[in-house]
Amino acid sequence: MKLFDKVSFLFRITSTHDIARRYFVVNGFDGALTMLGLIIGFLVSAPAELSVIISACLGAAIALTMSGLSSAYVSESAERQLALSKLEEAMASDLQDSAHGEAARRVPLIIALVNGLAPLIISLIILIPLWLAKAGIPMPVSPLYIAIAMALLLIFLLGVFLGNISGVSWLRSGIQTLLVAVLTMALIYLFAG
């Protein structure tokens, strides 16, 4: 069975595809807001070298990744094991060697990967302008402003994705998530600026 088909099958028998999708959006949003906060924090503070900004942002992205991986794995392992135990009890049978047993072991790992990789991937995309500037590629404006624009775009796109899932206006959903980002920026300027 192909990997995608196998994952799809495991999600289907455990009814967890929505959990993975939710974790992707929630932790992706966390990653984007964290990068946005750090970059704005650097903008309103004393000037710092690009390498310092990149290192701080990478540190935060790695911490979010490790937190996402470990917390999702621990909680989903417990949930999948509980669900398997209840199913075994209802069927009066040991299901460890069945597809349900395999799902109880593999689905937590898959969900943990989604949960951990979402903020990392989104953070790395936001940091692209900083890496390009550090490599000497000329930018029309400060790479920090371009990174902020990328963060805002990704936050908007996460909102669009949520709107498509829920069947509400994608534009309205995108604007709602964007408003959260703008409020975050305003609070940082208010308290740190």
N, C-alpha and C. Protein backbone atom coordinates (compact mmCIF):
# COMPACT_ATOMS: atom_id res chain seq x y z
N MET A 1 0.85 -1.18 0.00
CA MET A 1 0.00 0.00 0.00
C MET A 1 0.89 1.24 0.00
N LYS A 2 0.58 2.20 -0.85
CA LYS A 2 1.35 3.42 -0.92
C LYS A 2 1.23 4.19 0.39
N LEU A 3 2.27 4.98 0.68
CA LEU A 3 2.32 5.71 1.95
C LEU A 3 1.09 6.59 2.14
N PHE A 4 0.73 7.37 1.13
CA PHE A 4 -0.43 8.26 1.25
C PHE A 4 -1.70 7.46 1.50
N ASP A 5 -1.86 6.36 0.77
CA ASP A 5 -3.05 5.52 0.96
C ASP A 5 -3.07 4.91 2.35
N LYS A 6 -1.89 4.52 2.84
CA LYS A 6 -1.80 3.92 4.17
C LYS A 6 -2.18 4.94 5.24
N VAL A 7 -1.63 6.15 5.13
CA VAL A 7 -1.94 7.20 6.10
C VAL A 7 -3.43 7.53 6.04
N SER A 8 -3.97 7.64 4.84
CA SER A 8 -5.39 7.92 4.66
C SER A 8 -6.25 6.83 5.32
N PHE A 9 -5.85 5.57 5.12
CA PHE A 9 -6.57 4.44 5.72
C PHE A 9 -6.52 4.53 7.25
N LEU A 10 -5.34 4.80 7.80
CA LEU A 10 -5.20 4.88 9.26
C LEU A 10 -6.01 6.04 9.83
N PHE A 11 -6.02 7.17 9.13
CA PHE A 11 -6.84 8.30 9.57
C PHE A 11 -8.32 7.94 9.50
N ARG A 12 -8.70 7.22 8.45
CA ARG A 12 -10.12 6.88 8.27
C ARG A 12 -10.61 5.96 9.38
N ILE A 13 -9.82 4.94 9.73
CA ILE A 13 -10.33 4.00 10.75
C ILE A 13 -10.26 4.58 12.15
N THR A 14 -9.47 5.63 12.33
CA THR A 14 -9.41 6.27 13.64
C THR A 14 -10.17 7.59 13.69
N SER A 15 -10.69 8.02 12.54
CA SER A 15 -11.41 9.31 12.44
C SER A 15 -10.57 10.46 12.98
N THR A 16 -9.30 10.52 12.57
CA THR A 16 -8.39 11.54 13.11
C THR A 16 -7.87 12.52 12.06
N HIS A 17 -8.36 12.44 10.82
CA HIS A 17 -7.85 13.37 9.80
C HIS A 17 -8.12 14.82 10.18
N ASP A 18 -9.27 15.06 10.84
CA ASP A 18 -9.58 16.43 11.25
C ASP A 18 -8.65 16.91 12.36
N ILE A 19 -8.19 15.98 13.18
CA ILE A 19 -7.25 16.34 14.26
C ILE A 19 -5.92 16.80 13.64
N ALA A 20 -5.43 16.05 12.66
CA ALA A 20 -4.17 16.41 12.00
C ALA A 20 -4.31 17.77 11.30
N ARG A 21 -5.42 17.97 10.64
CA ARG A 21 -5.65 19.24 9.94
C ARG A 21 -5.70 20.40 10.93
N ARG A 22 -6.38 20.18 12.05
CA ARG A 22 -6.49 21.22 13.07
C ARG A 22 -5.12 21.54 13.67
N TYR A 23 -4.34 20.49 13.96
CA TYR A 23 -2.99 20.71 14.49
C TYR A 23 -2.13 21.49 13.50
N PHE A 24 -2.26 21.18 12.21
CA PHE A 24 -1.47 21.89 11.21
C PHE A 24 -1.79 23.38 11.24
N VAL A 25 -3.08 23.71 11.26
CA VAL A 25 -3.48 25.12 11.24
C VAL A 25 -3.10 25.81 12.54
N VAL A 26 -3.39 25.19 13.68
CA VAL A 26 -3.12 25.82 14.97
C VAL A 26 -1.62 26.06 15.15
N ASN A 27 -0.81 25.05 14.91
CA ASN A 27 0.62 25.22 15.12
C ASN A 27 1.27 26.04 14.01
N GLY A 28 0.73 25.96 12.80
CA GLY A 28 1.21 26.83 11.74
C GLY A 28 0.96 28.29 12.08
N PHE A 29 -0.22 28.56 12.61
CA PHE A 29 -0.59 29.90 13.05
C PHE A 29 0.35 30.35 14.17
N ASP A 30 0.62 29.46 15.12
CA ASP A 30 1.56 29.77 16.21
C ASP A 30 2.94 30.13 15.66
N GLY A 31 3.41 29.34 14.69
CA GLY A 31 4.71 29.61 14.10
C GLY A 31 4.76 30.95 13.42
N ALA A 32 3.72 31.27 12.64
CA ALA A 32 3.68 32.54 11.93
C ALA A 32 3.60 33.72 12.90
N LEU A 33 2.76 33.62 13.91
CA LEU A 33 2.64 34.71 14.89
C LEU A 33 3.92 34.88 15.71
N THR A 34 4.56 33.76 16.02
CA THR A 34 5.82 33.84 16.77
C THR A 34 6.90 34.54 15.95
N MET A 35 7.03 34.17 14.68
CA MET A 35 8.01 34.84 13.82
C MET A 35 7.67 36.31 13.66
N LEU A 36 6.39 36.61 13.47
CA LEU A 36 5.94 37.99 13.34
C LEU A 36 6.32 38.77 14.60
N GLY A 37 6.05 38.20 15.76
CA GLY A 37 6.37 38.86 17.03
C GLY A 37 7.86 39.10 17.20
N LEU A 38 8.65 38.10 16.88
CA LEU A 38 10.10 38.25 17.02
C LEU A 38 10.64 39.32 16.07
N ILE A 39 10.20 39.27 14.83
CA ILE A 39 10.72 40.22 13.85
C ILE A 39 10.31 41.65 14.20
N ILE A 40 9.08 41.84 14.63
CA ILE A 40 8.65 43.18 15.04
C ILE A 40 9.41 43.61 16.30
N GLY A 41 9.63 42.66 17.19
CA GLY A 41 10.42 42.97 18.38
C GLY A 41 11.81 43.47 18.01
N PHE A 42 12.42 42.84 17.01
CA PHE A 42 13.73 43.31 16.55
C PHE A 42 13.62 44.68 15.86
N LEU A 43 12.52 44.93 15.17
CA LEU A 43 12.34 46.22 14.51
C LEU A 43 12.24 47.37 15.50
N VAL A 44 11.57 47.15 16.62
CA VAL A 44 11.35 48.22 17.58
C VAL A 44 12.47 48.33 18.62
N SER A 45 13.41 47.41 18.60
CA SER A 45 14.51 47.47 19.55
C SER A 45 15.75 48.03 18.87
N ALA A 46 16.84 48.04 19.59
CA ALA A 46 18.11 48.51 19.03
C ALA A 46 18.47 47.65 17.83
N PRO A 47 19.08 48.25 16.82
CA PRO A 47 19.44 47.48 15.62
C PRO A 47 20.28 46.24 15.97
N ALA A 48 19.96 45.15 15.30
CA ALA A 48 20.69 43.89 15.51
C ALA A 48 21.14 43.36 14.17
N GLU A 49 22.21 42.59 14.20
CA GLU A 49 22.71 41.99 12.97
C GLU A 49 21.72 40.94 12.49
N LEU A 50 21.69 40.76 11.18
CA LEU A 50 20.79 39.79 10.57
C LEU A 50 21.03 38.38 11.11
N SER A 51 22.28 38.04 11.35
CA SER A 51 22.59 36.70 11.87
C SER A 51 21.99 36.49 13.25
N VAL A 52 21.93 37.54 14.08
CA VAL A 52 21.33 37.44 15.41
C VAL A 52 19.83 37.24 15.29
N ILE A 53 19.21 38.00 14.40
CA ILE A 53 17.76 37.88 14.19
C ILE A 53 17.42 36.48 13.68
N ILE A 54 18.18 36.01 12.71
CA ILE A 54 17.92 34.67 12.15
C ILE A 54 18.10 33.61 13.22
N SER A 55 19.16 33.71 14.02
CA SER A 55 19.40 32.72 15.08
C SER A 55 18.28 32.71 16.11
N ALA A 56 17.82 33.90 16.51
CA ALA A 56 16.73 33.96 17.49
C ALA A 56 15.45 33.36 16.92
N CYS A 57 15.15 33.68 15.66
CA CYS A 57 13.95 33.14 15.02
C CYS A 57 14.05 31.63 14.84
N LEU A 58 15.22 31.15 14.45
CA LEU A 58 15.41 29.70 14.30
C LEU A 58 15.28 28.99 15.65
N GLY A 59 15.81 29.61 16.69
CA GLY A 59 15.68 29.03 18.03
C GLY A 59 14.22 28.87 18.43
N ALA A 60 13.45 29.91 18.17
CA ALA A 60 12.02 29.85 18.50
C ALA A 60 11.30 28.81 17.63
N ALA A 61 11.65 28.74 16.36
CA ALA A 61 11.01 27.78 15.45
C ALA A 61 11.33 26.34 15.88
N ILE A 62 12.56 26.10 16.26
CA ILE A 62 12.95 24.76 16.71
C ILE A 62 12.24 24.40 18.02
N ALA A 63 12.14 25.37 18.92
CA ALA A 63 11.44 25.12 20.18
C ALA A 63 9.96 24.80 19.93
N LEU A 64 9.32 25.55 19.03
CA LEU A 64 7.92 25.28 18.68
C LEU A 64 7.79 23.88 18.07
N THR A 65 8.74 23.51 17.24
CA THR A 65 8.72 22.20 16.60
C THR A 65 8.83 21.09 17.63
N MET A 66 9.79 21.21 18.52
CA MET A 66 9.98 20.17 19.54
C MET A 66 8.78 20.09 20.48
N SER A 67 8.23 21.24 20.83
CA SER A 67 7.04 21.26 21.67
C SER A 67 5.88 20.58 20.96
N GLY A 68 5.70 20.91 19.68
CA GLY A 68 4.61 20.32 18.91
C GLY A 68 4.76 18.82 18.74
N LEU A 69 5.98 18.39 18.43
CA LEU A 69 6.22 16.95 18.26
C LEU A 69 5.94 16.18 19.54
N SER A 70 6.54 16.63 20.63
CA SER A 70 6.43 15.87 21.88
C SER A 70 5.04 15.93 22.49
N SER A 71 4.43 17.12 22.53
CA SER A 71 3.11 17.21 23.17
C SER A 71 2.06 16.45 22.38
N ALA A 72 2.10 16.55 21.06
CA ALA A 72 1.11 15.83 20.25
C ALA A 72 1.32 14.33 20.35
N TYR A 73 2.57 13.89 20.34
CA TYR A 73 2.82 12.45 20.40
C TYR A 73 2.33 11.87 21.72
N VAL A 74 2.66 12.53 22.81
CA VAL A 74 2.27 12.03 24.13
C VAL A 74 0.74 12.00 24.26
N SER A 75 0.09 13.11 23.90
CA SER A 75 -1.37 13.16 24.08
C SER A 75 -2.09 12.24 23.10
N GLU A 76 -1.65 12.20 21.84
CA GLU A 76 -2.33 11.34 20.87
C GLU A 76 -2.06 9.86 21.13
N SER A 77 -0.89 9.52 21.63
CA SER A 77 -0.62 8.12 21.99
C SER A 77 -1.59 7.66 23.06
N ALA A 78 -1.78 8.51 24.05
CA ALA A 78 -2.72 8.16 25.13
C ALA A 78 -4.14 8.04 24.60
N GLU A 79 -4.55 8.96 23.74
CA GLU A 79 -5.91 8.93 23.19
C GLU A 79 -6.13 7.70 22.30
N ARG A 80 -5.17 7.39 21.45
CA ARG A 80 -5.30 6.24 20.54
C ARG A 80 -5.29 4.94 21.33
N GLN A 81 -4.46 4.86 22.39
CA GLN A 81 -4.43 3.65 23.20
C GLN A 81 -5.74 3.47 23.95
N LEU A 82 -6.30 4.56 24.45
CA LEU A 82 -7.59 4.50 25.13
C LEU A 82 -8.67 4.02 24.16
N ALA A 83 -8.69 4.59 22.95
CA ALA A 83 -9.69 4.19 21.96
C ALA A 83 -9.53 2.71 21.60
N LEU A 84 -8.28 2.25 21.45
CA LEU A 84 -8.04 0.84 21.14
C LEU A 84 -8.50 -0.06 22.28
N SER A 85 -8.22 0.34 23.50
CA SER A 85 -8.63 -0.45 24.67
C SER A 85 -10.15 -0.58 24.74
N LYS A 86 -10.85 0.52 24.47
CA LYS A 86 -12.31 0.48 24.48
C LYS A 86 -12.85 -0.43 23.37
N LEU A 87 -12.23 -0.36 22.20
CA LEU A 87 -12.64 -1.22 21.10
C LEU A 87 -12.37 -2.69 21.42
N GLU A 88 -11.20 -2.96 22.00
CA GLU A 88 -10.88 -4.35 22.39
C GLU A 88 -11.87 -4.86 23.43
N GLU A 89 -12.23 -3.99 24.35
CA GLU A 89 -13.19 -4.39 25.39
C GLU A 89 -14.56 -4.68 24.77
N ALA A 90 -14.99 -3.84 23.85
CA ALA A 90 -16.29 -4.03 23.20
C ALA A 90 -16.31 -5.30 22.35
N MET A 91 -15.17 -5.62 21.74
CA MET A 91 -15.11 -6.79 20.87
C MET A 91 -14.61 -8.03 21.60
N ALA A 92 -14.22 -7.87 22.87
CA ALA A 92 -13.67 -8.97 23.66
C ALA A 92 -12.57 -9.69 22.89
N SER A 93 -11.65 -8.89 22.36
CA SER A 93 -10.59 -9.44 21.52
C SER A 93 -9.36 -8.56 21.60
N ASP A 94 -8.18 -9.18 21.43
CA ASP A 94 -6.92 -8.45 21.38
C ASP A 94 -6.73 -7.94 19.95
N LEU A 95 -6.62 -6.64 19.79
CA LEU A 95 -6.51 -6.04 18.46
C LEU A 95 -5.12 -5.47 18.18
N GLN A 96 -4.12 -5.81 18.99
CA GLN A 96 -2.78 -5.25 18.82
C GLN A 96 -2.19 -5.55 17.44
N ASP A 97 -2.50 -6.71 16.87
CA ASP A 97 -1.95 -7.08 15.57
C ASP A 97 -2.88 -6.74 14.41
N SER A 98 -3.94 -6.01 14.69
CA SER A 98 -4.90 -5.64 13.65
C SER A 98 -4.57 -4.25 13.08
N ALA A 99 -5.35 -3.84 12.09
CA ALA A 99 -5.20 -2.50 11.54
C ALA A 99 -5.46 -1.45 12.61
N HIS A 100 -6.37 -1.71 13.52
CA HIS A 100 -6.65 -0.77 14.60
C HIS A 100 -5.46 -0.66 15.56
N GLY A 101 -4.79 -1.77 15.80
CA GLY A 101 -3.59 -1.75 16.64
C GLY A 101 -2.48 -0.97 15.97
N GLU A 102 -2.32 -1.19 14.67
CA GLU A 102 -1.31 -0.44 13.91
C GLU A 102 -1.63 1.05 13.93
N ALA A 103 -2.91 1.38 13.77
CA ALA A 103 -3.32 2.78 13.79
C ALA A 103 -3.02 3.42 15.15
N ALA A 104 -3.26 2.68 16.22
CA ALA A 104 -2.99 3.20 17.56
C ALA A 104 -1.51 3.51 17.75
N ARG A 105 -0.66 2.77 17.05
CA ARG A 105 0.78 3.01 17.15
C ARG A 105 1.28 4.08 16.19
N ARG A 106 0.74 4.12 14.98
CA ARG A 106 1.29 5.01 13.94
C ARG A 106 0.63 6.39 13.87
N VAL A 107 -0.66 6.45 14.10
CA VAL A 107 -1.36 7.73 13.98
C VAL A 107 -0.78 8.79 14.93
N PRO A 108 -0.46 8.46 16.18
CA PRO A 108 0.15 9.50 17.03
C PRO A 108 1.46 10.06 16.46
N LEU A 109 2.24 9.22 15.83
CA LEU A 109 3.49 9.69 15.22
C LEU A 109 3.21 10.62 14.04
N ILE A 110 2.24 10.25 13.21
CA ILE A 110 1.89 11.09 12.06
C ILE A 110 1.35 12.43 12.52
N ILE A 111 0.46 12.41 13.50
CA ILE A 111 -0.10 13.66 14.01
C ILE A 111 0.99 14.50 14.67
N ALA A 112 1.91 13.87 15.37
CA ALA A 112 3.01 14.60 15.99
C ALA A 112 3.88 15.27 14.93
N LEU A 113 4.12 14.57 13.83
CA LEU A 113 4.91 15.17 12.74
C LEU A 113 4.21 16.38 12.14
N VAL A 114 2.91 16.25 11.92
CA VAL A 114 2.13 17.38 11.39
C VAL A 114 2.19 18.54 12.37
N ASN A 115 1.97 18.26 13.64
CA ASN A 115 1.94 19.28 14.67
C ASN A 115 3.29 19.97 14.82
N GLY A 116 4.37 19.20 14.72
CA GLY A 116 5.70 19.77 14.90
C GLY A 116 6.25 20.45 13.67
N LEU A 117 5.96 19.88 12.49
CA LEU A 117 6.54 20.43 11.27
C LEU A 117 5.81 21.68 10.77
N ALA A 118 4.55 21.85 11.12
CA ALA A 118 3.80 23.01 10.65
C ALA A 118 4.46 24.33 11.05
N PRO A 119 4.78 24.54 12.34
CA PRO A 119 5.41 25.83 12.67
C PRO A 119 6.82 25.96 12.09
N LEU A 120 7.52 24.84 11.95
CA LEU A 120 8.87 24.89 11.40
C LEU A 120 8.84 25.32 9.93
N ILE A 121 7.99 24.68 9.15
CA ILE A 121 7.90 25.00 7.72
C ILE A 121 7.47 26.45 7.51
N ILE A 122 6.44 26.87 8.23
CA ILE A 122 5.95 28.23 8.08
C ILE A 122 7.00 29.24 8.54
N SER A 123 7.70 28.94 9.62
CA SER A 123 8.76 29.83 10.10
C SER A 123 9.89 29.93 9.08
N LEU A 124 10.27 28.82 8.50
CA LEU A 124 11.36 28.84 7.52
C LEU A 124 10.99 29.64 6.29
N ILE A 125 9.73 29.55 5.87
CA ILE A 125 9.27 30.35 4.72
C ILE A 125 9.36 31.84 5.06
N ILE A 126 8.95 32.21 6.26
CA ILE A 126 8.99 33.61 6.67
C ILE A 126 10.43 34.13 6.73
N LEU A 127 11.36 33.26 7.07
CA LEU A 127 12.77 33.68 7.20
C LEU A 127 13.52 33.76 5.88
N ILE A 128 12.90 33.33 4.79
CA ILE A 128 13.59 33.35 3.48
C ILE A 128 14.16 34.73 3.15
N PRO A 129 13.42 35.83 3.30
CA PRO A 129 14.01 37.13 2.96
C PRO A 129 15.25 37.46 3.79
N LEU A 130 15.28 37.02 5.04
CA LEU A 130 16.43 37.29 5.89
C LEU A 130 17.66 36.53 5.39
N TRP A 131 17.46 35.27 4.99
CA TRP A 131 18.57 34.48 4.46
C TRP A 131 19.07 35.07 3.14
N LEU A 132 18.13 35.49 2.30
CA LEU A 132 18.52 36.08 1.02
C LEU A 132 19.34 37.36 1.23
N ALA A 133 18.90 38.18 2.16
CA ALA A 133 19.63 39.42 2.45
C ALA A 133 21.00 39.12 3.03
N LYS A 134 21.06 38.12 3.91
CA LYS A 134 22.36 37.74 4.49
C LYS A 134 23.30 37.21 3.41
N ALA A 135 22.75 36.58 2.38
CA ALA A 135 23.57 36.07 1.28
C ALA A 135 23.99 37.18 0.32
N GLY A 136 23.53 38.41 0.58
CA GLY A 136 23.95 39.54 -0.24
C GLY A 136 23.02 39.87 -1.39
N ILE A 137 21.87 39.24 -1.43
CA ILE A 137 20.92 39.52 -2.50
C ILE A 137 20.20 40.83 -2.16
N PRO A 138 20.27 41.81 -3.08
CA PRO A 138 19.65 43.11 -2.78
C PRO A 138 18.13 43.01 -2.66
N MET A 139 17.60 43.78 -1.74
CA MET A 139 16.16 43.81 -1.49
C MET A 139 15.66 45.25 -1.70
N PRO A 140 14.43 45.41 -2.20
CA PRO A 140 13.91 46.76 -2.41
C PRO A 140 13.65 47.51 -1.10
N VAL A 141 13.36 46.76 -0.04
CA VAL A 141 13.16 47.33 1.30
C VAL A 141 13.86 46.42 2.29
N SER A 142 13.80 46.78 3.55
CA SER A 142 14.43 45.96 4.59
C SER A 142 13.88 44.53 4.54
N PRO A 143 14.74 43.53 4.67
CA PRO A 143 14.26 42.14 4.67
C PRO A 143 13.29 41.86 5.82
N LEU A 144 13.39 42.65 6.88
CA LEU A 144 12.46 42.47 8.00
C LEU A 144 11.04 42.81 7.57
N TYR A 145 10.89 43.87 6.77
CA TYR A 145 9.56 44.22 6.29
C TYR A 145 9.01 43.17 5.32
N ILE A 146 9.89 42.60 4.52
CA ILE A 146 9.45 41.55 3.59
C ILE A 146 9.04 40.31 4.38
N ALA A 147 9.80 39.99 5.44
CA ALA A 147 9.45 38.85 6.28
C ALA A 147 8.11 39.07 6.97
N ILE A 148 7.86 40.30 7.41
CA ILE A 148 6.56 40.62 8.03
C ILE A 148 5.44 40.44 7.01
N ALA A 149 5.67 40.92 5.80
CA ALA A 149 4.66 40.76 4.74
C ALA A 149 4.40 39.28 4.46
N MET A 150 5.46 38.46 4.46
CA MET A 150 5.29 37.02 4.24
C MET A 150 4.51 36.39 5.38
N ALA A 151 4.80 36.80 6.61
CA ALA A 151 4.07 36.27 7.77
C ALA A 151 2.59 36.62 7.67
N LEU A 152 2.30 37.87 7.31
CA LEU A 152 0.90 38.29 7.17
C LEU A 152 0.20 37.53 6.05
N LEU A 153 0.90 37.31 4.95
CA LEU A 153 0.33 36.54 3.85
C LEU A 153 0.02 35.10 4.27
N LEU A 154 0.96 34.47 4.97
CA LEU A 154 0.74 33.09 5.41
C LEU A 154 -0.40 33.00 6.42
N ILE A 155 -0.48 33.97 7.31
CA ILE A 155 -1.58 33.99 8.29
C ILE A 155 -2.91 34.14 7.56
N PHE A 156 -2.95 35.03 6.57
CA PHE A 156 -4.16 35.20 5.77
C PHE A 156 -4.52 33.89 5.06
N LEU A 157 -3.53 33.21 4.48
CA LEU A 157 -3.78 31.95 3.76
C LEU A 157 -4.26 30.84 4.70
N LEU A 158 -3.75 30.83 5.93
CA LEU A 158 -4.28 29.86 6.91
C LEU A 158 -5.76 30.14 7.18
N GLY A 159 -6.12 31.40 7.25
CA GLY A 159 -7.53 31.76 7.42
C GLY A 159 -8.36 31.35 6.23
N VAL A 160 -7.83 31.53 5.03
CA VAL A 160 -8.52 31.11 3.81
C VAL A 160 -8.75 29.60 3.84
N PHE A 161 -7.72 28.87 4.25
CA PHE A 161 -7.82 27.41 4.37
C PHE A 161 -8.94 27.03 5.34
N LEU A 162 -8.97 27.69 6.49
CA LEU A 162 -10.04 27.42 7.47
C LEU A 162 -11.41 27.75 6.91
N GLY A 163 -11.50 28.84 6.17
CA GLY A 163 -12.78 29.21 5.55
C GLY A 163 -13.26 28.16 4.57
N ASN A 164 -12.33 27.63 3.77
CA ASN A 164 -12.69 26.57 2.82
C ASN A 164 -13.15 25.31 3.53
N ILE A 165 -12.50 24.97 4.63
CA ILE A 165 -12.87 23.77 5.39
C ILE A 165 -14.27 23.92 5.98
N SER A 166 -14.52 25.08 6.58
CA SER A 166 -15.78 25.27 7.30
C SER A 166 -16.94 25.68 6.40
N GLY A 167 -16.64 26.03 5.15
CA GLY A 167 -17.70 26.40 4.24
C GLY A 167 -18.17 27.82 4.39
N VAL A 168 -17.42 28.63 5.14
CA VAL A 168 -17.77 30.05 5.25
C VAL A 168 -16.92 30.82 4.25
N SER A 169 -17.16 32.09 4.15
CA SER A 169 -16.44 32.93 3.20
C SER A 169 -14.93 32.84 3.45
N TRP A 170 -14.19 32.45 2.43
CA TRP A 170 -12.73 32.35 2.58
C TRP A 170 -12.13 33.73 2.83
N LEU A 171 -12.71 34.75 2.22
CA LEU A 171 -12.20 36.10 2.40
C LEU A 171 -12.42 36.57 3.84
N ARG A 172 -13.62 36.33 4.34
CA ARG A 172 -13.92 36.72 5.72
C ARG A 172 -13.01 36.00 6.70
N SER A 173 -12.82 34.71 6.50
CA SER A 173 -11.97 33.92 7.38
C SER A 173 -10.51 34.39 7.30
N GLY A 174 -10.06 34.68 6.09
CA GLY A 174 -8.70 35.19 5.92
C GLY A 174 -8.50 36.52 6.60
N ILE A 175 -9.49 37.40 6.48
CA ILE A 175 -9.41 38.72 7.11
C ILE A 175 -9.43 38.59 8.63
N GLN A 176 -10.22 37.64 9.15
CA GLN A 176 -10.27 37.44 10.60
C GLN A 176 -8.90 37.06 11.15
N THR A 177 -8.23 36.13 10.49
CA THR A 177 -6.90 35.72 10.98
C THR A 177 -5.91 36.86 10.81
N LEU A 178 -6.07 37.62 9.74
CA LEU A 178 -5.19 38.77 9.51
C LEU A 178 -5.38 39.82 10.60
N LEU A 179 -6.62 40.00 11.05
CA LEU A 179 -6.89 40.96 12.13
C LEU A 179 -6.21 40.54 13.43
N VAL A 180 -6.14 39.24 13.68
CA VAL A 180 -5.42 38.76 14.86
C VAL A 180 -3.94 39.14 14.76
N ALA A 181 -3.37 38.99 13.56
CA ALA A 181 -1.97 39.35 13.35
C ALA A 181 -1.75 40.85 13.52
N VAL A 182 -2.67 41.65 12.99
CA VAL A 182 -2.55 43.11 13.12
C VAL A 182 -2.68 43.52 14.59
N LEU A 183 -3.60 42.90 15.32
CA LEU A 183 -3.74 43.18 16.75
C LEU A 183 -2.46 42.80 17.49
N THR A 184 -1.88 41.67 17.13
CA THR A 184 -0.62 41.24 17.74
C THR A 184 0.48 42.27 17.49
N MET A 185 0.57 42.73 16.25
CA MET A 185 1.57 43.75 15.91
C MET A 185 1.33 45.02 16.71
N ALA A 186 0.08 45.44 16.82
CA ALA A 186 -0.24 46.66 17.57
C ALA A 186 0.15 46.53 19.04
N LEU A 187 -0.13 45.37 19.63
CA LEU A 187 0.24 45.14 21.03
C LEU A 187 1.74 45.17 21.23
N ILE A 188 2.47 44.60 20.29
CA ILE A 188 3.94 44.61 20.40
C ILE A 188 4.46 46.04 20.31
N TYR A 189 3.94 46.81 19.34
CA TYR A 189 4.36 48.21 19.22
C TYR A 189 3.99 49.01 20.47
N LEU A 190 2.82 48.71 21.04
CA LEU A 190 2.36 49.44 22.22
C LEU A 190 3.24 49.15 23.44
N PHE A 191 3.56 47.88 23.65
CA PHE A 191 4.29 47.52 24.87
C PHE A 191 5.80 47.46 24.70
N ALA A 192 6.27 47.19 23.49
CA ALA A 192 7.72 47.07 23.30
C ALA A 192 8.33 48.25 22.56
N GLY A 193 7.50 49.00 21.86
CA GLY A 193 8.01 50.08 21.01
C GLY A 193 8.25 51.29 21.77
